[in-house]
Amino acid sequence: MKVEAMSRGQTTNRIKSIDELVSEWTQRTEFDLELASLRDLIRFLGNELYSQYEPFIQKPPFWERLAAWVNNVKTAKDQQALFRLVPWLLFVGKSELHSMYESAFRGPITRWLIDSACLDIKDPAIGSKLADEVRHTWFGSLAGMDLGSFMRINGIEEQSLRPDFRVLLELGDAEQFDKYVYAVKNNGDRCYRRIVAVDDFVGSGTQMTKAAKGVGHLEDTPVLICPMISADEGCKAGKQLRKQYSHLDFQEYYRISSSARLRPRTADGEIHKDLAAVSEIIESTWELLKRPENYDKPYGFGDMGILVLTYLNCPNNVPPILHRMADETASAGKWMPLFPRANRET
């Protein structure tokens, strides 16, 4: 694979393979066992996990993308910094994400349903009563999640309309939406007594807060927002929604540790040496990677520095150094991404 690689103003036509680079690095350090072991670990992760990454099906294999990405920079110090970053990534594969769907439903969502319906867990009929409450719960996606997989994995049936609440807010008919939520059966019972909105990932909470406006006026309809993965900022936004809407609850399934994030070198607190080394590259290459939008930041949307992605896509809270291809210019060349992101916004 031959592409032009960028390295702080320098270009070359040849991409060195990861094996070549590790060989060079270990020769200089009289065989650094750690680097060789790290290569084997990344190769294993590449085969078992990173190869699942779906955006742009015709993209080069992970091992080739890794070589191109590491070759974006020229010094051995910078190359090793990018190389060492890879195991820090929390890559959620298909089976892992589907397990989260199941565990979130059986955990925080089921507990909320029991509390919302005032069910007695000691009741011998709790199973059938809970199943009835699930049938009377309208499950929807907060902002683009694969709701079909979530419903199928958890055996949720008898729901013909599977909404995306962000889309409904932007394009839907509010009157028709309310009519559907408050629809009743022939026996006078409401079709849906409550709403559960799920999402794969909540970073800053911006999209979640916007989507919540679509159900904020349903004061007599309990609402639960449950993201599979959430950053600290998203959890704080969820708590704010609780305060703003008395009928709305927020419960994340998995919360990202704030310690495993890329931060500016000037940030408060200690930064792991592996992450600090990459921060230098992020800041020195930003002129090449940045876009004109005012929300575009070196460490991703909100300058959050998130290191989490799923097999479906790479969130925009992840630093662009990982997912963005730089436009070719006469002075800079290109930057080849490791996990090219499929953008949803124009």
C-alpha atoms as a PDB file:
ATOM      1  CA  MET A   1       0.000   0.000   0.000  1.00  0.00           C
ATOM      2  CA  LYS A   2       1.573   3.287  -1.102  1.00  0.00           C
ATOM      3  CA  VAL A   3       0.193   6.620  -0.008  1.00  0.00           C
ATOM      4  CA  GLU A   4       1.765   9.957   0.735  1.00  0.00           C
ATOM      5  CA  ALA A   5       2.253  10.257   4.481  1.00  0.00           C
ATOM      6  CA  MET A   6       2.483  13.500   6.378  1.00  0.00           C
ATOM      7  CA  SER A   7       4.924  14.184   9.205  1.00  0.00           C
ATOM      8  CA  ARG A   8       5.046  17.738  10.426  1.00  0.00           C
ATOM      9  CA  GLY A   9       5.712  19.214   7.013  1.00  0.00           C
ATOM     10  CA  GLN A  10       7.630  16.259   5.513  1.00  0.00           C
ATOM     11  CA  THR A  11       6.347  13.659   3.063  1.00  0.00           C
ATOM     12  CA  THR A  12       7.462  10.273   1.847  1.00  0.00           C
ATOM     13  CA  ASN A  13       6.081   7.843  -0.713  1.00  0.00           C
ATOM     14  CA  ARG A  14       6.862   4.655   1.157  1.00  0.00           C
ATOM     15  CA  ILE A  15       4.940   3.248   4.085  1.00  0.00           C
ATOM     16  CA  LYS A  16       7.080   1.132   6.403  1.00  0.00           C
ATOM     17  CA  SER A  17       5.258  -1.904   7.777  1.00  0.00           C
ATOM     18  CA  ILE A  18       4.701  -2.280  11.503  1.00  0.00           C
ATOM     19  CA  ASP A  19       7.110  -5.225  11.581  1.00  0.00           C
ATOM     20  CA  GLU A  20       9.799  -3.088   9.921  1.00  0.00           C
ATOM     21  CA  LEU A  21       9.235  -0.257  12.374  1.00  0.00           C
ATOM     22  CA  VAL A  22       9.281  -2.500  15.442  1.00  0.00           C
ATOM     23  CA  SER A  23      12.477  -4.111  14.149  1.00  0.00           C
ATOM     24  CA  GLU A  24      14.102  -0.672  13.797  1.00  0.00           C
ATOM     25  CA  TRP A  25      12.921   0.445  17.226  1.00  0.00           C
ATOM     26  CA  THR A  26      14.102  -2.714  19.003  1.00  0.00           C
ATOM     27  CA  GLN A  27      17.517  -2.640  17.299  1.00  0.00           C
ATOM     28  CA  ARG A  28      18.077   0.851  18.654  1.00  0.00           C
ATOM     29  CA  THR A  29      17.173  -0.240  22.188  1.00  0.00           C
ATOM     30  CA  GLU A  30      18.957  -3.620  22.142  1.00  0.00           C
ATOM     31  CA  PHE A  31      15.693  -5.498  21.655  1.00  0.00           C
ATOM     32  CA  ASP A  32      12.927  -3.901  23.642  1.00  0.00           C
ATOM     33  CA  LEU A  33      10.728  -6.862  24.595  1.00  0.00           C
ATOM     34  CA  GLU A  34       7.861  -4.547  25.500  1.00  0.00           C
ATOM     35  CA  LEU A  35       7.531  -3.189  21.954  1.00  0.00           C
ATOM     36  CA  ALA A  36       7.565  -6.667  20.432  1.00  0.00           C
ATOM     37  CA  SER A  37       4.941  -7.859  22.932  1.00  0.00           C
ATOM     38  CA  LEU A  38       2.859  -4.769  22.211  1.00  0.00           C
ATOM     39  CA  ARG A  39       3.006  -5.532  18.478  1.00  0.00           C
ATOM     40  CA  ASP A  40       1.713  -9.066  19.130  1.00  0.00           C
ATOM     41  CA  LEU A  41      -1.089  -7.732  21.342  1.00  0.00           C
ATOM     42  CA  ILE A  42      -2.160  -5.178  18.737  1.00  0.00           C
ATOM     43  CA  ARG A  43      -2.043  -7.818  16.006  1.00  0.00           C
ATOM     44  CA  PHE A  44      -4.356 -10.007  18.095  1.00  0.00           C
ATOM     45  CA  LEU A  45      -6.727  -7.099  18.792  1.00  0.00           C
ATOM     46  CA  GLY A  46      -6.640  -6.180  15.120  1.00  0.00           C
ATOM     47  CA  ASN A  47      -7.696  -9.669  14.064  1.00  0.00           C
ATOM     48  CA  GLU A  48     -10.300 -10.208  16.764  1.00  0.00           C
ATOM     49  CA  LEU A  49     -11.719  -6.724  17.281  1.00  0.00           C
ATOM     50  CA  TYR A  50     -10.539  -3.819  15.154  1.00  0.00           C
ATOM     51  CA  SER A  51     -11.257  -5.762  11.948  1.00  0.00           C
ATOM     52  CA  GLN A  52     -14.978  -5.441  12.827  1.00  0.00           C
ATOM     53  CA  TYR A  53     -14.965  -1.681  12.220  1.00  0.00           C
ATOM     54  CA  GLU A  54     -17.759  -1.128   9.698  1.00  0.00           C
ATOM     55  CA  PRO A  55     -17.646   2.428   8.244  1.00  0.00           C
ATOM     56  CA  PHE A  56     -16.275   2.418   4.708  1.00  0.00           C
ATOM     57  CA  ILE A  57     -16.332  -1.314   3.957  1.00  0.00           C
ATOM     58  CA  GLN A  58     -13.718  -0.952   1.194  1.00  0.00           C
ATOM     59  CA  LYS A  59     -11.140   0.636   3.509  1.00  0.00           C
ATOM     60  CA  PRO A  60      -7.677  -1.020   3.828  1.00  0.00           C
ATOM     61  CA  PRO A  61      -7.289  -3.741   6.498  1.00  0.00           C
ATOM     62  CA  PHE A  62      -6.494  -2.558  10.020  1.00  0.00           C
ATOM     63  CA  TRP A  63      -2.824  -3.620   9.931  1.00  0.00           C
ATOM     64  CA  GLU A  64      -2.268  -1.521   6.797  1.00  0.00           C
ATOM     65  CA  ARG A  65      -4.157   1.440   8.271  1.00  0.00           C
ATOM     66  CA  LEU A  66      -2.052   1.181  11.414  1.00  0.00           C
ATOM     67  CA  ALA A  67       1.160   1.289   9.388  1.00  0.00           C
ATOM     68  CA  ALA A  68      -0.048   4.319   7.407  1.00  0.00           C
ATOM     69  CA  TRP A  69      -1.188   6.060  10.592  1.00  0.00           C
ATOM     70  CA  VAL A  70       2.098   5.501  12.426  1.00  0.00           C
ATOM     71  CA  ASN A  71       4.027   6.622   9.324  1.00  0.00           C
ATOM     72  CA  ASN A  72       2.178   9.957   9.412  1.00  0.00           C
ATOM     73  CA  VAL A  73       4.965  11.087  11.740  1.00  0.00           C
ATOM     74  CA  LYS A  74       8.663  10.637  11.088  1.00  0.00           C
ATOM     75  CA  THR A  75      10.628  10.445  14.323  1.00  0.00           C
ATOM     76  CA  ALA A  76      10.847   7.110  16.133  1.00  0.00           C
ATOM     77  CA  LYS A  77       9.682   8.873  19.300  1.00  0.00           C
ATOM     78  CA  ASP A  78       6.454  10.095  17.685  1.00  0.00           C
ATOM     79  CA  GLN A  79       5.847   6.828  15.854  1.00  0.00           C
ATOM     80  CA  GLN A  80       6.148   4.882  19.081  1.00  0.00           C
ATOM     81  CA  ALA A  81       3.819   7.350  20.816  1.00  0.00           C
ATOM     82  CA  LEU A  82       1.061   6.628  18.277  1.00  0.00           C
ATOM     83  CA  PHE A  83       1.817   2.900  18.426  1.00  0.00           C
ATOM     84  CA  ARG A  84       1.557   2.826  22.230  1.00  0.00           C
ATOM     85  CA  LEU A  85      -1.781   4.649  22.136  1.00  0.00           C
ATOM     86  CA  VAL A  86      -3.611   1.824  20.351  1.00  0.00           C
ATOM     87  CA  PRO A  87      -4.124  -0.480  23.403  1.00  0.00           C
ATOM     88  CA  TRP A  88      -5.559   2.505  25.296  1.00  0.00           C
ATOM     89  CA  LEU A  89      -8.534   2.554  22.937  1.00  0.00           C
ATOM     90  CA  LEU A  90     -11.753   1.054  24.254  1.00  0.00           C
ATOM     91  CA  PHE A  91     -13.051  -0.579  21.089  1.00  0.00           C
ATOM     92  CA  VAL A  92     -16.534  -2.039  21.587  1.00  0.00           C
ATOM     93  CA  GLY A  93     -17.075  -4.864  19.105  1.00  0.00           C
ATOM     94  CA  LYS A  94     -20.368  -6.277  17.905  1.00  0.00           C
ATOM     95  CA  SER A  95     -20.708  -9.037  20.513  1.00  0.00           C
ATOM     96  CA  GLU A  96     -19.628  -6.656  23.296  1.00  0.00           C
ATOM     97  CA  LEU A  97     -22.173  -4.024  22.279  1.00  0.00           C
ATOM     98  CA  HIS A  98     -24.931  -6.617  21.986  1.00  0.00           C
ATOM     99  CA  SER A  99     -24.019  -7.885  25.458  1.00  0.00           C
ATOM    100  CA  MET A 100     -24.400  -4.317  26.696  1.00  0.00           C
ATOM    101  CA  TYR A 101     -27.866  -4.161  25.119  1.00  0.00           C
ATOM    102  CA  GLU A 102     -28.891  -7.270  27.035  1.00  0.00           C
ATOM    103  CA  SER A 103     -27.243  -6.306  30.332  1.00  0.00           C
ATOM    104  CA  ALA A 104     -28.651  -2.770  30.241  1.00  0.00           C
ATOM    105  CA  PHE A 105     -32.151  -4.131  29.650  1.00  0.00           C
ATOM    106  CA  ARG A 106     -31.879  -6.733  32.415  1.00  0.00           C
ATOM    107  CA  GLY A 107     -30.212  -4.237  34.772  1.00  0.00           C
ATOM    108  CA  PRO A 108     -31.018  -0.501  34.970  1.00  0.00           C
ATOM    109  CA  ILE A 109     -33.961  -0.605  32.540  1.00  0.00           C
ATOM    110  CA  THR A 110     -35.735  -3.504  34.291  1.00  0.00           C
ATOM    111  CA  ARG A 111     -35.143  -1.944  37.725  1.00  0.00           C
ATOM    112  CA  TRP A 112     -36.617   1.325  36.473  1.00  0.00           C
ATOM    113  CA  LEU A 113     -39.641  -0.492  35.024  1.00  0.00           C
ATOM    114  CA  ILE A 114     -40.256  -2.223  38.348  1.00  0.00           C
ATOM    115  CA  ASP A 115     -40.026   1.061  40.250  1.00  0.00           C
ATOM    116  CA  SER A 116     -42.093   2.967  37.685  1.00  0.00           C
ATOM    117  CA  ALA A 117     -44.893   0.380  37.763  1.00  0.00           C
ATOM    118  CA  CYS A 118     -44.646  -0.035  41.572  1.00  0.00           C
ATOM    119  CA  LEU A 119     -44.238  -3.793  41.231  1.00  0.00           C
ATOM    120  CA  ASP A 120     -43.476  -5.983  44.236  1.00  0.00           C
ATOM    121  CA  ILE A 121     -40.423  -8.126  43.527  1.00  0.00           C
ATOM    122  CA  LYS A 122     -41.726 -10.668  46.081  1.00  0.00           C
ATOM    123  CA  ASP A 123     -44.939 -11.123  44.126  1.00  0.00           C
ATOM    124  CA  PRO A 124     -45.060 -14.679  42.656  1.00  0.00           C
ATOM    125  CA  ALA A 125     -46.568 -13.164  39.491  1.00  0.00           C
ATOM    126  CA  ILE A 126     -43.786 -10.582  39.085  1.00  0.00           C
ATOM    127  CA  GLY A 127     -42.605 -12.189  35.826  1.00  0.00           C
ATOM    128  CA  SER A 128     -45.922 -11.910  33.983  1.00  0.00           C
ATOM    129  CA  LYS A 129     -46.600  -8.442  35.408  1.00  0.00           C
ATOM    130  CA  LEU A 130     -43.180  -7.203  34.300  1.00  0.00           C
ATOM    131  CA  ALA A 131     -43.722  -8.668  30.822  1.00  0.00           C
ATOM    132  CA  ASP A 132     -47.006  -6.751  30.651  1.00  0.00           C
ATOM    133  CA  GLU A 133     -45.231  -3.521  31.607  1.00  0.00           C
ATOM    134  CA  VAL A 134     -42.625  -4.114  28.884  1.00  0.00           C
ATOM    135  CA  ARG A 135     -45.445  -4.461  26.331  1.00  0.00           C
ATOM    136  CA  HIS A 136     -46.806  -1.103  27.536  1.00  0.00           C
ATOM    137  CA  THR A 137     -43.415   0.635  27.272  1.00  0.00           C
ATOM    138  CA  TRP A 138     -42.523   2.506  24.083  1.00  0.00           C
ATOM    139  CA  PHE A 139     -38.862   1.853  23.330  1.00  0.00           C
ATOM    140  CA  GLY A 140     -37.047   4.280  21.067  1.00  0.00           C
ATOM    141  CA  SER A 141     -33.601   5.417  19.982  1.00  0.00           C
ATOM    142  CA  LEU A 142     -32.314   8.654  21.414  1.00  0.00           C
ATOM    143  CA  ALA A 143     -30.279   9.668  18.357  1.00  0.00           C
ATOM    144  CA  GLY A 144     -29.606   7.020  15.729  1.00  0.00           C
ATOM    145  CA  MET A 145     -28.927   3.820  17.682  1.00  0.00           C
ATOM    146  CA  ASP A 146     -29.591   0.442  16.045  1.00  0.00           C
ATOM    147  CA  LEU A 147     -32.888  -0.037  17.873  1.00  0.00           C
ATOM    148  CA  GLY A 148     -33.822  -3.140  15.872  1.00  0.00           C
ATOM    149  CA  SER A 149     -30.886  -5.102  17.329  1.00  0.00           C
ATOM    150  CA  PHE A 150     -31.699  -3.905  20.842  1.00  0.00           C
ATOM    151  CA  MET A 151     -35.332  -5.043  20.521  1.00  0.00           C
ATOM    152  CA  ARG A 152     -34.446  -8.380  18.934  1.00  0.00           C
ATOM    153  CA  ILE A 153     -31.736  -9.267  21.473  1.00  0.00           C
ATOM    154  CA  ASN A 154     -34.096  -8.536  24.373  1.00  0.00           C
ATOM    155  CA  GLY A 155     -37.141 -10.204  22.855  1.00  0.00           C
ATOM    156  CA  ILE A 156     -39.202  -7.003  22.832  1.00  0.00           C
ATOM    157  CA  GLU A 157     -42.127  -7.527  20.482  1.00  0.00           C
ATOM    158  CA  GLU A 158     -45.494  -6.012  19.629  1.00  0.00           C
ATOM    159  CA  GLN A 159     -44.073  -2.568  18.867  1.00  0.00           C
ATOM    160  CA  SER A 160     -44.653  -1.691  15.235  1.00  0.00           C
ATOM    161  CA  LEU A 161     -43.221   1.855  15.399  1.00  0.00           C
ATOM    162  CA  ARG A 162     -39.612   2.181  16.546  1.00  0.00           C
ATOM    163  CA  PRO A 163     -38.906   5.883  16.875  1.00  0.00           C
ATOM    164  CA  ASP A 164     -35.748   7.961  16.817  1.00  0.00           C
ATOM    165  CA  PHE A 165     -36.657  10.789  19.184  1.00  0.00           C
ATOM    166  CA  ARG A 166     -34.129  13.228  17.762  1.00  0.00           C
ATOM    167  CA  VAL A 167     -35.595  12.785  14.275  1.00  0.00           C
ATOM    168  CA  LEU A 168     -39.139  13.076  15.603  1.00  0.00           C
ATOM    169  CA  LEU A 169     -38.250  16.339  17.302  1.00  0.00           C
ATOM    170  CA  GLU A 170     -36.725  17.800  14.143  1.00  0.00           C
ATOM    171  CA  LEU A 171     -39.134  16.495  11.506  1.00  0.00           C
ATOM    172  CA  GLY A 172     -42.143  14.964  13.228  1.00  0.00           C
ATOM    173  CA  ASP A 173     -45.650  16.269  13.797  1.00  0.00           C
ATOM    174  CA  ALA A 174     -45.876  17.085  17.522  1.00  0.00           C
ATOM    175  CA  GLU A 175     -49.649  16.693  17.549  1.00  0.00           C
ATOM    176  CA  GLN A 176     -49.516  13.250  15.920  1.00  0.00           C
ATOM    177  CA  PHE A 177     -46.713  12.235  18.286  1.00  0.00           C
ATOM    178  CA  ASP A 178     -48.757  13.156  21.352  1.00  0.00           C
ATOM    179  CA  LYS A 179     -51.835  11.418  19.958  1.00  0.00           C
ATOM    180  CA  TYR A 180     -49.840   8.215  19.507  1.00  0.00           C
ATOM    181  CA  VAL A 181     -48.330   8.353  23.005  1.00  0.00           C
ATOM    182  CA  TYR A 182     -51.747   8.893  24.612  1.00  0.00           C
ATOM    183  CA  ALA A 183     -53.624   6.389  22.415  1.00  0.00           C
ATOM    184  CA  VAL A 184     -55.837   3.948  24.324  1.00  0.00           C
ATOM    185  CA  LYS A 185     -57.074   0.438  23.599  1.00  0.00           C
ATOM    186  CA  ASN A 186     -60.703  -0.647  23.437  1.00  0.00           C
ATOM    187  CA  ASN A 187     -60.643  -1.398  27.159  1.00  0.00           C
ATOM    188  CA  GLY A 188     -59.590   2.156  27.919  1.00  0.00           C
ATOM    189  CA  ASP A 189     -56.011   1.207  28.868  1.00  0.00           C
ATOM    190  CA  ARG A 190     -53.170   3.284  27.383  1.00  0.00           C
ATOM    191  CA  CYS A 191     -51.126   1.513  24.729  1.00  0.00           C
ATOM    192  CA  TYR A 192     -47.950   2.951  26.257  1.00  0.00           C
ATOM    193  CA  ARG A 193     -47.598   3.913  29.902  1.00  0.00           C
ATOM    194  CA  ARG A 194     -43.995   5.024  29.715  1.00  0.00           C
ATOM    195  CA  ILE A 195     -41.059   5.646  27.336  1.00  0.00           C
ATOM    196  CA  VAL A 196     -37.497   4.269  27.311  1.00  0.00           C
ATOM    197  CA  ALA A 197     -34.943   6.007  25.061  1.00  0.00           C
ATOM    198  CA  VAL A 198     -31.665   4.156  24.547  1.00  0.00           C
ATOM    199  CA  ASP A 199     -28.423   5.099  22.803  1.00  0.00           C
ATOM    200  CA  ASP A 200     -25.040   3.513  22.152  1.00  0.00           C
ATOM    201  CA  PHE A 201     -22.930   6.445  23.295  1.00  0.00           C
ATOM    202  CA  VAL A 202     -23.451   9.816  24.976  1.00  0.00           C
ATOM    203  CA  GLY A 203     -20.406  12.092  25.039  1.00  0.00           C
ATOM    204  CA  SER A 204     -21.063  15.734  25.848  1.00  0.00           C
ATOM    205  CA  GLY A 205     -24.826  15.157  26.102  1.00  0.00           C
ATOM    206  CA  THR A 206     -25.646  17.821  23.492  1.00  0.00           C
ATOM    207  CA  GLN A 207     -27.733  15.546  21.243  1.00  0.00           C
ATOM    208  CA  MET A 208     -29.367  13.902  24.254  1.00  0.00           C
ATOM    209  CA  THR A 209     -30.449  17.253  25.671  1.00  0.00           C
ATOM    210  CA  LYS A 210     -31.952  18.274  22.336  1.00  0.00           C
ATOM    211  CA  ALA A 211     -33.786  14.957  21.925  1.00  0.00           C
ATOM    212  CA  ALA A 212     -35.155  15.162  25.475  1.00  0.00           C
ATOM    213  CA  LYS A 213     -37.148  18.247  24.514  1.00  0.00           C
ATOM    214  CA  GLY A 214     -39.361  16.009  22.394  1.00  0.00           C
ATOM    215  CA  VAL A 215     -40.628  14.157  25.484  1.00  0.00           C
ATOM    216  CA  GLY A 216     -40.173  16.920  28.045  1.00  0.00           C
ATOM    217  CA  HIS A 217     -43.819  18.040  27.820  1.00  0.00           C
ATOM    218  CA  LEU A 218     -45.231  14.552  28.535  1.00  0.00           C
ATOM    219  CA  GLU A 219     -45.438  15.222  32.256  1.00  0.00           C
ATOM    220  CA  ASP A 220     -47.724  12.281  33.060  1.00  0.00           C
ATOM    221  CA  THR A 221     -45.594   9.788  31.098  1.00  0.00           C
ATOM    222  CA  PRO A 222     -42.448   8.510  32.865  1.00  0.00           C
ATOM    223  CA  VAL A 223     -39.373   8.597  30.633  1.00  0.00           C
ATOM    224  CA  LEU A 224     -36.036   6.828  31.050  1.00  0.00           C
ATOM    225  CA  ILE A 225     -32.912   7.742  29.062  1.00  0.00           C
ATOM    226  CA  CYS A 226     -30.354   4.936  29.175  1.00  0.00           C
ATOM    227  CA  PRO A 227     -27.143   5.165  27.105  1.00  0.00           C
ATOM    228  CA  MET A 228     -24.967   2.074  26.911  1.00  0.00           C
ATOM    229  CA  ILE A 229     -21.784   4.149  27.302  1.00  0.00           C
ATOM    230  CA  SER A 230     -21.529   7.662  28.705  1.00  0.00           C
ATOM    231  CA  ALA A 231     -18.760  10.136  29.468  1.00  0.00           C
ATOM    232  CA  ASP A 232     -18.740  12.227  32.649  1.00  0.00           C
ATOM    233  CA  GLU A 233     -20.079  15.209  30.718  1.00  0.00           C
ATOM    234  CA  GLY A 234     -22.982  13.146  29.402  1.00  0.00           C
ATOM    235  CA  CYS A 235     -23.827  11.925  32.905  1.00  0.00           C
ATOM    236  CA  LYS A 236     -23.826  15.508  34.180  1.00  0.00           C
ATOM    237  CA  ALA A 237     -26.170  16.498  31.340  1.00  0.00           C
ATOM    238  CA  GLY A 238     -28.406  13.566  32.298  1.00  0.00           C
ATOM    239  CA  LYS A 239     -28.578  14.783  35.908  1.00  0.00           C
ATOM    240  CA  GLN A 240     -29.528  18.238  34.657  1.00  0.00           C
ATOM    241  CA  LEU A 241     -32.379  16.704  32.664  1.00  0.00           C
ATOM    242  CA  ARG A 242     -33.610  15.001  35.849  1.00  0.00           C
ATOM    243  CA  LYS A 243     -33.798  18.390  37.537  1.00  0.00           C
ATOM    244  CA  GLN A 244     -35.452  20.011  34.532  1.00  0.00           C
ATOM    245  CA  TYR A 245     -38.127  17.343  33.982  1.00  0.00           C
ATOM    246  CA  SER A 246     -39.657  15.696  37.043  1.00  0.00           C
ATOM    247  CA  HIS A 247     -40.985  12.754  35.000  1.00  0.00           C
ATOM    248  CA  LEU A 248     -37.626  11.999  33.339  1.00  0.00           C
ATOM    249  CA  ASP A 249     -34.874   9.752  34.692  1.00  0.00           C
ATOM    250  CA  PHE A 250     -31.338   9.123  33.445  1.00  0.00           C
ATOM    251  CA  GLN A 251     -29.340   5.960  34.111  1.00  0.00           C
ATOM    252  CA  GLU A 252     -26.197   5.119  32.172  1.00  0.00           C
ATOM    253  CA  TYR A 253     -25.060   1.513  31.847  1.00  0.00           C
ATOM    254  CA  TYR A 254     -21.284   2.066  31.586  1.00  0.00           C
ATOM    255  CA  ARG A 255     -19.455   5.251  32.521  1.00  0.00           C
ATOM    256  CA  ILE A 256     -16.093   6.074  30.931  1.00  0.00           C
ATOM    257  CA  SER A 257     -13.260   6.642  33.373  1.00  0.00           C
ATOM    258  CA  SER A 258     -12.060  10.241  33.128  1.00  0.00           C
ATOM    259  CA  SER A 259      -8.463   9.070  33.698  1.00  0.00           C
ATOM    260  CA  ALA A 260      -8.319   7.225  30.342  1.00  0.00           C
ATOM    261  CA  ARG A 261      -8.722  10.277  28.148  1.00  0.00           C
ATOM    262  CA  LEU A 262      -6.376  12.430  26.134  1.00  0.00           C
ATOM    263  CA  ARG A 263      -5.922  15.914  27.559  1.00  0.00           C
ATOM    264  CA  PRO A 264      -3.869  19.006  26.715  1.00  0.00           C
ATOM    265  CA  ARG A 265      -0.388  19.040  28.181  1.00  0.00           C
ATOM    266  CA  THR A 266      -1.404  22.094  30.222  1.00  0.00           C
ATOM    267  CA  ALA A 267      -4.364  20.277  31.824  1.00  0.00           C
ATOM    268  CA  ASP A 268      -4.560  19.940  35.595  1.00  0.00           C
ATOM    269  CA  GLY A 269      -3.587  16.628  37.146  1.00  0.00           C
ATOM    270  CA  GLU A 270      -1.180  13.902  36.145  1.00  0.00           C
ATOM    271  CA  ILE A 271      -1.294  12.523  32.618  1.00  0.00           C
ATOM    272  CA  HIS A 272       0.064   9.074  31.823  1.00  0.00           C
ATOM    273  CA  LYS A 273       3.270   9.279  29.810  1.00  0.00           C
ATOM    274  CA  ASP A 274       1.715   7.364  26.873  1.00  0.00           C
ATOM    275  CA  LEU A 275      -1.116   9.884  26.651  1.00  0.00           C
ATOM    276  CA  ALA A 276       1.105  12.920  27.236  1.00  0.00           C
ATOM    277  CA  ALA A 277       3.312  11.914  24.295  1.00  0.00           C
ATOM    278  CA  VAL A 278       0.284  11.757  21.979  1.00  0.00           C
ATOM    279  CA  SER A 279      -0.962  15.119  23.261  1.00  0.00           C
ATOM    280  CA  GLU A 280       2.186  16.705  21.846  1.00  0.00           C
ATOM    281  CA  ILE A 281       1.446  15.250  18.403  1.00  0.00           C
ATOM    282  CA  ILE A 282      -2.216  16.313  18.572  1.00  0.00           C
ATOM    283  CA  GLU A 283      -1.284  19.905  19.268  1.00  0.00           C
ATOM    284  CA  SER A 284       1.514  20.062  16.693  1.00  0.00           C
ATOM    285  CA  THR A 285      -0.639  18.611  13.874  1.00  0.00           C
ATOM    286  CA  TRP A 286      -3.822  20.571  14.582  1.00  0.00           C
ATOM    287  CA  GLU A 287      -3.176  23.137  11.846  1.00  0.00           C
ATOM    288  CA  LEU A 288      -3.324  20.298   9.338  1.00  0.00           C
ATOM    289  CA  LEU A 289      -6.424  18.570  10.735  1.00  0.00           C
ATOM    290  CA  LYS A 290      -8.673  21.383  11.904  1.00  0.00           C
ATOM    291  CA  ARG A 291     -11.907  22.419  10.173  1.00  0.00           C
ATOM    292  CA  PRO A 292     -13.458  25.908  10.032  1.00  0.00           C
ATOM    293  CA  GLU A 293     -16.411  25.044  12.323  1.00  0.00           C
ATOM    294  CA  ASN A 294     -16.158  26.798  15.688  1.00  0.00           C
ATOM    295  CA  TYR A 295     -16.992  23.585  17.572  1.00  0.00           C
ATOM    296  CA  ASP A 296     -14.047  21.721  16.005  1.00  0.00           C
ATOM    297  CA  LYS A 297     -11.333  21.138  18.618  1.00  0.00           C
ATOM    298  CA  PRO A 298      -7.968  19.317  18.695  1.00  0.00           C
ATOM    299  CA  TYR A 299      -9.248  16.743  21.208  1.00  0.00           C
ATOM    300  CA  GLY A 300     -12.595  16.204  19.494  1.00  0.00           C
ATOM    301  CA  PHE A 301     -16.011  17.760  20.027  1.00  0.00           C
ATOM    302  CA  GLY A 302     -15.967  19.602  23.338  1.00  0.00           C
ATOM    303  CA  ASP A 303     -12.187  18.995  23.530  1.00  0.00           C
ATOM    304  CA  MET A 304     -13.105  15.807  25.417  1.00  0.00           C
ATOM    305  CA  GLY A 305     -10.308  13.483  24.261  1.00  0.00           C
ATOM    306  CA  ILE A 306     -12.502  10.375  24.437  1.00  0.00           C
ATOM    307  CA  LEU A 307     -10.786   7.084  23.553  1.00  0.00           C
ATOM    308  CA  VAL A 308     -13.945   5.011  23.033  1.00  0.00           C
ATOM    309  CA  LEU A 309     -15.360   3.835  19.719  1.00  0.00           C
ATOM    310  CA  THR A 310     -17.653   1.051  18.580  1.00  0.00           C
ATOM    311  CA  TYR A 311     -17.569  -1.201  15.546  1.00  0.00           C
ATOM    312  CA  LEU A 312     -20.319   1.008  14.067  1.00  0.00           C
ATOM    313  CA  ASN A 313     -18.415   4.313  14.058  1.00  0.00           C
ATOM    314  CA  CYS A 314     -15.953   6.595  15.813  1.00  0.00           C
ATOM    315  CA  PRO A 315     -17.629   9.353  17.919  1.00  0.00           C
ATOM    316  CA  ASN A 316     -16.702  12.951  17.133  1.00  0.00           C
ATOM    317  CA  ASN A 317     -15.595  13.342  20.782  1.00  0.00           C
ATOM    318  CA  VAL A 318     -12.540  11.251  19.831  1.00  0.00           C
ATOM    319  CA  PRO A 319      -9.514  13.372  18.759  1.00  0.00           C
ATOM    320  CA  PRO A 320      -9.443  13.891  14.957  1.00  0.00           C
ATOM    321  CA  ILE A 321      -5.900  12.522  14.887  1.00  0.00           C
ATOM    322  CA  LEU A 322      -7.520   9.061  15.076  1.00  0.00           C
ATOM    323  CA  HIS A 323     -10.395   9.374  12.629  1.00  0.00           C
ATOM    324  CA  ARG A 324      -9.860  12.285  10.214  1.00  0.00           C
ATOM    325  CA  MET A 325      -8.133  12.368   6.837  1.00  0.00           C
ATOM    326  CA  ALA A 326      -6.440  15.679   6.148  1.00  0.00           C
ATOM    327  CA  ASP A 327      -7.048  17.434   2.850  1.00  0.00           C
ATOM    328  CA  GLU A 328      -3.936  17.310   0.693  1.00  0.00           C
ATOM    329  CA  THR A 329      -2.124  20.627   0.372  1.00  0.00           C
ATOM    330  CA  ALA A 330       1.114  21.629  -1.281  1.00  0.00           C
ATOM    331  CA  SER A 331       2.827  22.275   2.045  1.00  0.00           C
ATOM    332  CA  ALA A 332       1.462  19.542   4.276  1.00  0.00           C
ATOM    333  CA  GLY A 333       0.482  16.417   2.364  1.00  0.00           C
ATOM    334  CA  LYS A 334      -1.999  14.024   3.965  1.00  0.00           C
ATOM    335  CA  TRP A 335      -2.880  12.582   7.332  1.00  0.00           C
ATOM    336  CA  MET A 336      -4.136   8.999   7.127  1.00  0.00           C
ATOM    337  CA  PRO A 337      -6.647   8.049   9.863  1.00  0.00           C
ATOM    338  CA  LEU A 338      -6.638   4.821  11.868  1.00  0.00           C
ATOM    339  CA  PHE A 339     -10.437   4.583  12.182  1.00  0.00           C
ATOM    340  CA  PRO A 340     -11.979   6.775   9.450  1.00  0.00           C
ATOM    341  CA  ARG A 341     -15.203   8.254  10.761  1.00  0.00           C
ATOM    342  CA  ALA A 342     -18.502   8.319   8.875  1.00  0.00           C
ATOM    343  CA  ASN A 343     -19.783  11.845   9.492  1.00  0.00           C
ATOM    344  CA  ARG A 344     -23.490  12.314  10.148  1.00  0.00           C
ATOM    345  CA  GLU A 345     -23.446  16.095  10.068  1.00  0.00           C
ATOM    346  CA  THR A 346     -22.800  18.199   6.962  1.00  0.00           C
END
